[in-house]
PDB file of all heavy atoms in Angstrom:
ATOM      1  N   ALA A   1      -4.514 -30.974-123.784  1.00  0.00           N
ATOM      2  CA  ALA A   1      -3.240 -30.514-124.339  1.00  0.00           C
ATOM      3  C   ALA A   1      -3.394 -30.099-125.791  1.00  0.00           C
ATOM      4  O   ALA A   1      -4.183 -30.677-126.545  1.00  0.00           O
ATOM      5  CB  ALA A   1      -2.193 -31.615-124.214  1.00  0.00           C
ATOM      6  N   ILE A   2      -2.616 -29.102-126.171  1.00  0.00           N
ATOM      7  CA  ILE A   2      -2.496 -28.699-127.565  1.00  0.00           C
ATOM      8  C   ILE A   2      -1.013 -28.483-127.843  1.00  0.00           C
ATOM      9  O   ILE A   2      -0.294 -27.943-127.006  1.00  0.00           O
ATOM     10  CB  ILE A   2      -3.305 -27.414-127.872  1.00  0.00           C
ATOM     11  CG1 ILE A   2      -3.144 -27.009-129.347  1.00  0.00           C
ATOM     12  CG2 ILE A   2      -2.944 -26.278-126.934  1.00  0.00           C
ATOM     13  CD1 ILE A   2      -4.055 -25.863-129.769  1.00  0.00           C
ATOM     14  N   SER A   3      -0.527 -28.954-128.986  1.00  0.00           N
ATOM     15  CA  SER A   3       0.883 -28.754-129.328  1.00  0.00           C
ATOM     16  C   SER A   3       1.047 -28.808-130.833  1.00  0.00           C
ATOM     17  O   SER A   3       0.241 -29.422-131.545  1.00  0.00           O
ATOM     18  CB  SER A   3       1.784 -29.802-128.665  1.00  0.00           C
ATOM     19  OG  SER A   3       1.534 -31.094-129.184  1.00  0.00           O
ATOM     20  N   GLY A   4       2.087 -28.152-131.312  1.00  0.00           N
ATOM     21  CA  GLY A   4       2.405 -28.163-132.730  1.00  0.00           C
ATOM     22  C   GLY A   4       3.906 -28.071-132.932  1.00  0.00           C
ATOM     23  O   GLY A   4       4.631 -27.535-132.085  1.00  0.00           O
ATOM     24  N   VAL A   5       4.381 -28.610-134.054  1.00  0.00           N
ATOM     25  CA  VAL A   5       5.810 -28.613-134.395  1.00  0.00           C
ATOM     26  C   VAL A   5       6.005 -27.688-135.590  1.00  0.00           C
ATOM     27  O   VAL A   5       5.252 -27.751-136.565  1.00  0.00           O
ATOM     28  CB  VAL A   5       6.298 -30.043-134.719  1.00  0.00           C
ATOM     29  CG1 VAL A   5       7.777 -30.038-135.098  1.00  0.00           C
ATOM     30  CG2 VAL A   5       6.046 -30.964-133.523  1.00  0.00           C
ATOM     31  N   TYR A   6       7.055 -26.855-135.528  1.00  0.00           N
ATOM     32  CA  TYR A   6       7.253 -25.828-136.542  1.00  0.00           C
ATOM     33  C   TYR A   6       8.732 -25.738-136.924  1.00  0.00           C
ATOM     34  O   TYR A   6       9.613 -25.810-136.054  1.00  0.00           O
ATOM     35  CB  TYR A   6       6.792 -24.455-136.018  1.00  0.00           C
ATOM     36  CG  TYR A   6       5.382 -24.493-135.488  1.00  0.00           C
ATOM     37  CD1 TYR A   6       5.131 -24.879-134.162  1.00  0.00           C
ATOM     38  CD2 TYR A   6       4.302 -24.191-136.294  1.00  0.00           C
ATOM     39  CE1 TYR A   6       3.837 -24.943-133.668  1.00  0.00           C
ATOM     40  CE2 TYR A   6       2.994 -24.259-135.814  1.00  0.00           C
ATOM     41  CZ  TYR A   6       2.774 -24.640-134.499  1.00  0.00           C
ATOM     42  OH  TYR A   6       1.488 -24.714-134.019  1.00  0.00           O
ATOM     43  N   ALA A   7       8.992 -25.570-138.215  1.00  0.00           N
ATOM     44  CA  ALA A   7      10.355 -25.389-138.723  1.00  0.00           C
ATOM     45  C   ALA A   7      10.607 -23.891-138.879  1.00  0.00           C
ATOM     46  O   ALA A   7       9.966 -23.227-139.700  1.00  0.00           O
ATOM     47  CB  ALA A   7      10.528 -26.104-140.056  1.00  0.00           C
ATOM     48  N   ILE A   8      11.528 -23.356-138.079  1.00  0.00           N
ATOM     49  CA  ILE A   8      11.806 -21.925-138.097  1.00  0.00           C
ATOM     50  C   ILE A   8      12.762 -21.598-139.244  1.00  0.00           C
ATOM     51  O   ILE A   8      13.817 -22.235-139.360  1.00  0.00           O
ATOM     52  CB  ILE A   8      12.415 -21.470-136.760  1.00  0.00           C
ATOM     53  CG1 ILE A   8      11.539 -21.924-135.579  1.00  0.00           C
ATOM     54  CG2 ILE A   8      12.610 -19.959-136.747  1.00  0.00           C
ATOM     55  CD1 ILE A   8      10.136 -21.385-135.599  1.00  0.00           C
ATOM     56  N   PRO A   9      12.441 -20.630-140.096  1.00  0.00           N
ATOM     57  CA  PRO A   9      13.349 -20.272-141.192  1.00  0.00           C
ATOM     58  C   PRO A   9      14.695 -19.765-140.664  1.00  0.00           C
ATOM     59  O   PRO A   9      14.771 -19.169-139.581  1.00  0.00           O
ATOM     60  CB  PRO A   9      12.593 -19.161-141.928  1.00  0.00           C
ATOM     61  CG  PRO A   9      11.165 -19.343-141.550  1.00  0.00           C
ATOM     62  CD  PRO A   9      11.176 -19.871-140.156  1.00  0.00           C
ATOM     63  N   SER A  10      15.729 -19.973-141.435  1.00  0.00           N
ATOM     64  CA  SER A  10      17.062 -19.536-141.028  1.00  0.00           C
ATOM     65  C   SER A  10      17.184 -18.020-140.988  1.00  0.00           C
ATOM     66  O   SER A  10      18.104 -17.474-140.363  1.00  0.00           O
ATOM     67  CB  SER A  10      18.114 -20.115-141.976  1.00  0.00           C
ATOM     68  OG  SER A  10      17.875 -19.687-143.310  1.00  0.00           O
ATOM     69  N   THR A  11      16.258 -17.316-141.641  1.00  0.00           N
ATOM     70  CA  THR A  11      16.300 -15.856-141.684  1.00  0.00           C
ATOM     71  C   THR A  11      15.572 -15.206-140.496  1.00  0.00           C
ATOM     72  O   THR A  11      15.577 -13.983-140.367  1.00  0.00           O
ATOM     73  CB  THR A  11      15.664 -15.349-142.980  1.00  0.00           C
ATOM     74  OG1 THR A  11      14.328 -15.878-143.079  1.00  0.00           O
ATOM     75  CG2 THR A  11      16.478 -15.788-144.196  1.00  0.00           C
ATOM     76  N   ALA A  12      14.944 -16.001-139.660  1.00  0.00           N
ATOM     77  CA  ALA A  12      14.144 -15.454-138.558  1.00  0.00           C
ATOM     78  C   ALA A  12      15.025 -14.764-137.522  1.00  0.00           C
ATOM     79  O   ALA A  12      16.011 -15.331-137.058  1.00  0.00           O
ATOM     80  CB  ALA A  12      13.338 -16.562-137.905  1.00  0.00           C
ATOM     81  N   LYS A  13      14.646 -13.547-137.142  1.00  0.00           N
ATOM     82  CA  LYS A  13      15.332 -12.820-136.074  1.00  0.00           C
ATOM     83  C   LYS A  13      14.420 -12.570-134.877  1.00  0.00           C
ATOM     84  O   LYS A  13      14.897 -12.381-133.769  1.00  0.00           O
ATOM     85  CB  LYS A  13      15.876 -11.492-136.599  1.00  0.00           C
ATOM     86  CG  LYS A  13      17.013 -11.646-137.588  1.00  0.00           C
ATOM     87  CD  LYS A  13      17.559 -10.292-138.000  1.00  0.00           C
ATOM     88  CE  LYS A  13      18.715 -10.449-138.991  1.00  0.00           C
ATOM     89  NZ  LYS A  13      19.225  -9.121-139.439  1.00  0.00           N
ATOM     90  N   SER A  14      13.122 -12.526-135.126  1.00  0.00           N
ATOM     91  CA  SER A  14      12.132 -12.373-134.060  1.00  0.00           C
ATOM     92  C   SER A  14      11.059 -13.432-134.246  1.00  0.00           C
ATOM     93  O   SER A  14      10.776 -13.843-135.378  1.00  0.00           O
ATOM     94  CB  SER A  14      11.489 -10.985-134.103  1.00  0.00           C
ATOM     95  OG  SER A  14      12.432  -9.966-133.923  1.00  0.00           O
ATOM     96  N   LEU A  15      10.461 -13.862-133.136  1.00  0.00           N
ATOM     97  CA  LEU A  15       9.390 -14.854-133.187  1.00  0.00           C
ATOM     98  C   LEU A  15       8.182 -14.353-132.410  1.00  0.00           C
ATOM     99  O   LEU A  15       8.321 -13.599-131.436  1.00  0.00           O
ATOM    100  CB  LEU A  15       9.852 -16.191-132.598  1.00  0.00           C
ATOM    101  CG  LEU A  15      10.993 -16.923-133.317  1.00  0.00           C
ATOM    102  CD1 LEU A  15      11.381 -18.165-132.539  1.00  0.00           C
ATOM    103  CD2 LEU A  15      10.597 -17.281-134.749  1.00  0.00           C
ATOM    104  N   ARG A  16       7.010 -14.786-132.836  1.00  0.00           N
ATOM    105  CA  ARG A  16       5.790 -14.508-132.088  1.00  0.00           C
ATOM    106  C   ARG A  16       4.966 -15.783-132.024  1.00  0.00           C
ATOM    107  O   ARG A  16       4.719 -16.425-133.040  1.00  0.00           O
ATOM    108  CB  ARG A  16       4.978 -13.399-132.747  1.00  0.00           C
ATOM    109  CG  ARG A  16       3.744 -12.990-131.932  1.00  0.00           C
ATOM    110  CD  ARG A  16       3.019 -11.794-132.522  1.00  0.00           C
ATOM    111  NE  ARG A  16       2.217 -12.141-133.693  1.00  0.00           N
ATOM    112  CZ  ARG A  16       1.292 -11.345-134.231  1.00  0.00           C
ATOM    113  NH1 ARG A  16       1.060 -10.146-133.706  1.00  0.00           N
ATOM    114  NH2 ARG A  16       0.621 -11.730-135.298  1.00  0.00           N
ATOM    115  N   VAL A  17       4.562 -16.145-130.818  1.00  0.00           N
ATOM    116  CA  VAL A  17       3.668 -17.288-130.612  1.00  0.00           C
ATOM    117  C   VAL A  17       2.263 -16.748-130.427  1.00  0.00           C
ATOM    118  O   VAL A  17       2.047 -15.737-129.746  1.00  0.00           O
ATOM    119  CB  VAL A  17       4.101 -18.099-129.375  1.00  0.00           C
ATOM    120  CG1 VAL A  17       3.038 -19.119-128.998  1.00  0.00           C
ATOM    121  CG2 VAL A  17       5.428 -18.789-129.642  1.00  0.00           C
ATOM    122  N   ARG A  18       1.300 -17.393-131.053  1.00  0.00           N
ATOM    123  CA  ARG A  18      -0.081 -16.993-130.834  1.00  0.00           C
ATOM    124  C   ARG A  18      -0.943 -18.238-130.643  1.00  0.00           C
ATOM    125  O   ARG A  18      -0.675 -19.309-131.189  1.00  0.00           O
ATOM    126  CB  ARG A  18      -0.618 -16.138-131.983  1.00  0.00           C
ATOM    127  CG  ARG A  18      -0.715 -16.836-133.326  1.00  0.00           C
ATOM    128  CD  ARG A  18      -1.333 -15.932-134.384  1.00  0.00           C
ATOM    129  NE  ARG A  18      -1.440 -16.633-135.666  1.00  0.00           N
ATOM    130  CZ  ARG A  18      -2.103 -16.164-136.721  1.00  0.00           C
ATOM    131  NH1 ARG A  18      -2.711 -14.991-136.639  1.00  0.00           N
ATOM    132  NH2 ARG A  18      -2.158 -16.851-137.836  1.00  0.00           N
ATOM    133  N   ILE A  19      -1.998 -18.092-129.853  1.00  0.00           N
ATOM    134  CA  ILE A  19      -2.972 -19.155-129.639  1.00  0.00           C
ATOM    135  C   ILE A  19      -4.346 -18.506-129.618  1.00  0.00           C
ATOM    136  O   ILE A  19      -4.533 -17.449-128.998  1.00  0.00           O
ATOM    137  CB  ILE A  19      -2.678 -19.947-128.345  1.00  0.00           C
ATOM    138  CG1 ILE A  19      -3.697 -21.078-128.161  1.00  0.00           C
ATOM    139  CG2 ILE A  19      -2.602 -19.038-127.122  1.00  0.00           C
ATOM    140  CD1 ILE A  19      -3.318 -22.073-127.078  1.00  0.00           C
ATOM    141  N   PHE A  20      -5.300 -19.106-130.328  1.00  0.00           N
ATOM    142  CA  PHE A  20      -6.587 -18.454-130.511  1.00  0.00           C
ATOM    143  C   PHE A  20      -7.659 -19.514-130.745  1.00  0.00           C
ATOM    144  O   PHE A  20      -7.356 -20.675-131.055  1.00  0.00           O
ATOM    145  CB  PHE A  20      -6.534 -17.481-131.695  1.00  0.00           C
ATOM    146  CG  PHE A  20      -5.962 -18.074-132.959  1.00  0.00           C
ATOM    147  CD1 PHE A  20      -6.794 -18.587-133.948  1.00  0.00           C
ATOM    148  CD2 PHE A  20      -4.589 -18.125-133.165  1.00  0.00           C
ATOM    149  CE1 PHE A  20      -6.275 -19.119-135.115  1.00  0.00           C
ATOM    150  CE2 PHE A  20      -4.051 -18.662-134.330  1.00  0.00           C
ATOM    151  CZ  PHE A  20      -4.894 -19.165-135.310  1.00  0.00           C
ATOM    152  N   THR A  21      -8.903 -19.116-130.600  1.00  0.00           N
ATOM    153  CA  THR A  21      -9.986 -20.033-130.961  1.00  0.00           C
ATOM    154  C   THR A  21     -10.017 -20.127-132.488  1.00  0.00           C
ATOM    155  O   THR A  21      -9.880 -19.125-133.188  1.00  0.00           O
ATOM    156  CB  THR A  21     -11.341 -19.558-130.423  1.00  0.00           C
ATOM    157  OG1 THR A  21     -11.643 -18.267-130.939  1.00  0.00           O
ATOM    158  CG2 THR A  21     -11.329 -19.514-128.895  1.00  0.00           C
ATOM    159  N   THR A  22     -10.186 -21.322-132.983  1.00  0.00           N
ATOM    160  CA  THR A  22     -10.097 -21.551-134.425  1.00  0.00           C
ATOM    161  C   THR A  22     -11.151 -20.763-135.192  1.00  0.00           C
ATOM    162  O   THR A  22     -10.908 -20.305-136.313  1.00  0.00           O
ATOM    163  CB  THR A  22     -10.236 -23.052-134.718  1.00  0.00           C
ATOM    164  OG1 THR A  22      -9.280 -23.771-133.935  1.00  0.00           O
ATOM    165  CG2 THR A  22     -10.005 -23.357-136.177  1.00  0.00           C
ATOM    166  N   SER A  23     -12.303 -20.567-134.588  1.00  0.00           N
ATOM    167  CA  SER A  23     -13.371 -19.745-135.182  1.00  0.00           C
ATOM    168  C   SER A  23     -14.014 -18.935-134.074  1.00  0.00           C
ATOM    169  O   SER A  23     -13.587 -18.996-132.911  1.00  0.00           O
ATOM    170  CB  SER A  23     -14.399 -20.635-135.895  1.00  0.00           C
ATOM    171  OG  SER A  23     -14.949 -21.579-134.989  1.00  0.00           O
ATOM    172  N   THR A  24     -15.026 -18.174-134.396  1.00  0.00           N
ATOM    173  CA  THR A  24     -15.672 -17.357-133.374  1.00  0.00           C
ATOM    174  C   THR A  24     -16.435 -18.230-132.378  1.00  0.00           C
ATOM    175  O   THR A  24     -16.869 -19.341-132.688  1.00  0.00           O
ATOM    176  CB  THR A  24     -16.654 -16.359-134.013  1.00  0.00           C
ATOM    177  OG1 THR A  24     -17.611 -17.088-134.794  1.00  0.00           O
ATOM    178  CG2 THR A  24     -15.916 -15.366-134.902  1.00  0.00           C
TER     179      THR A  24
END
C-alpha cells in the first residue's frame, strides 16, 4: 500500500493526481 494526506487550497478548481517511481 501507498497513501498520502494532502490539504487542498481553497483556490483549487482543478486537481491532478500523479504516481511515479521516486527515481529512475
